[in-house]
């Protein structure tokens, strides 16, 4: 049985450790996207294709070692501190 779009997005969010608002903003320029989908929003075919493309591209980039971690302001600040400690 094929999983729904929302189930695929939820699995992607766990896999990527990406907050829902960051995913929505990066994939569709809509930080409320995941919350709206959880609330029953029905996406159109164009949006579904963009979301699937974003998730597939992210996975391909991760396999190639080209994915920079994404997150909200707190995690970006943490990464800056981490990167400063490595330098």
Protein backbone atom coordinates (compact mmCIF):
# COMPACT_ATOMS: atom_id res chain seq x y z
CA UNK A 1 0.00 0.00 0.00
CA UNK A 2 1.34 3.38 -0.97
CA UNK A 3 1.92 5.87 1.81
CA UNK A 4 0.23 9.25 1.69
CA UNK A 5 2.16 12.42 1.00
CA UNK A 6 1.90 13.45 4.64
CA UNK A 7 3.31 10.11 5.79
CA UNK A 8 6.23 10.47 3.38
CA UNK A 9 6.87 14.01 4.62
CA UNK A 10 6.74 12.90 8.27
CA UNK A 11 9.26 10.14 7.51
CA UNK A 12 11.48 12.67 5.72
CA UNK A 13 11.33 15.07 8.67
CA UNK A 14 12.53 12.29 10.98
CA UNK A 15 15.22 11.18 8.56
CA UNK A 16 16.54 14.69 7.99
CA UNK A 17 15.95 16.05 11.52
CA UNK A 18 14.50 19.09 9.78
CA UNK A 19 11.82 21.14 11.56
CA UNK A 20 8.48 21.25 9.72
CA UNK A 21 8.64 25.01 9.19
CA UNK A 22 12.11 24.77 7.64
CA UNK A 23 10.93 21.99 5.32
CA UNK A 24 7.90 23.99 4.22
CA UNK A 25 9.93 27.13 3.64
CA UNK A 26 12.68 25.33 1.72
CA UNK A 27 10.41 23.10 -0.36
CA UNK A 28 7.48 25.41 -1.10
CA UNK A 29 8.21 28.85 0.41
CA UNK A 30 5.44 28.16 2.96
CA UNK A 31 6.52 27.67 6.58
CA UNK A 32 2.97 26.62 7.56
CA UNK A 33 2.76 23.90 4.89
CA UNK A 34 3.25 20.84 7.12
CA UNK A 35 0.86 22.16 9.76
CA UNK A 36 -1.73 22.83 7.08
CA UNK A 37 -1.28 19.33 5.63
CA UNK A 38 -1.67 17.86 9.10
CA UNK A 39 -4.86 19.89 9.42
CA UNK A 40 -6.34 18.47 6.22
CA UNK A 41 -5.05 20.70 3.41
CA UNK A 42 -5.21 18.94 0.05
CA UNK A 43 -2.17 19.86 -2.09
CA UNK A 44 -2.37 20.14 -5.86
CA UNK A 45 -0.33 18.06 -8.25
CA UNK A 46 2.21 20.86 -8.79
CA UNK A 47 2.88 21.17 -5.06
CA UNK A 48 3.13 17.41 -4.64
CA UNK A 49 5.73 17.28 -7.41
CA UNK A 50 7.76 20.12 -5.85
CA UNK A 51 7.73 18.44 -2.43
CA UNK A 52 8.72 15.05 -3.82
CA UNK A 53 11.49 16.68 -5.87
CA UNK A 54 12.81 18.52 -2.82
CA UNK A 55 12.91 15.33 -0.71
CA UNK A 56 14.52 13.28 -3.49
CA UNK A 57 17.12 15.97 -4.20
CA UNK A 58 17.94 16.31 -0.49
CA UNK A 59 18.49 12.56 -0.21
CA UNK A 60 20.67 12.50 -3.34
CA UNK A 61 22.73 15.42 -2.06
CA UNK A 62 23.13 13.72 1.32
CA UNK A 63 24.40 10.55 -0.36
CA UNK A 64 26.87 12.69 -2.29
CA UNK A 65 27.98 14.42 0.92
CA UNK A 66 26.70 17.83 -0.15
CA UNK A 67 23.94 18.44 2.40
CA UNK A 68 24.46 21.18 4.90
CA UNK A 69 22.30 20.72 8.00
CA UNK A 70 19.26 22.96 8.07
CA UNK A 71 17.26 24.08 11.02
CA UNK A 72 15.77 27.00 12.81
CA UNK A 73 17.71 29.92 14.29
CA UNK A 74 18.69 27.96 17.41
CA UNK A 75 20.30 25.13 15.46
CA UNK A 76 22.01 27.52 13.03
CA UNK A 77 23.57 29.37 15.97
CA UNK A 78 24.68 26.05 17.43
CA UNK A 79 26.31 25.08 14.12
CA UNK A 80 28.17 28.40 13.99
CA UNK A 81 29.56 27.72 17.45
CA UNK A 82 30.45 24.15 16.43
CA UNK A 83 32.13 25.30 13.22
CA UNK A 84 34.10 27.92 15.13
CA UNK A 85 35.36 25.26 17.52
CA UNK A 86 36.59 23.10 14.62
CA UNK A 87 38.50 25.93 12.91
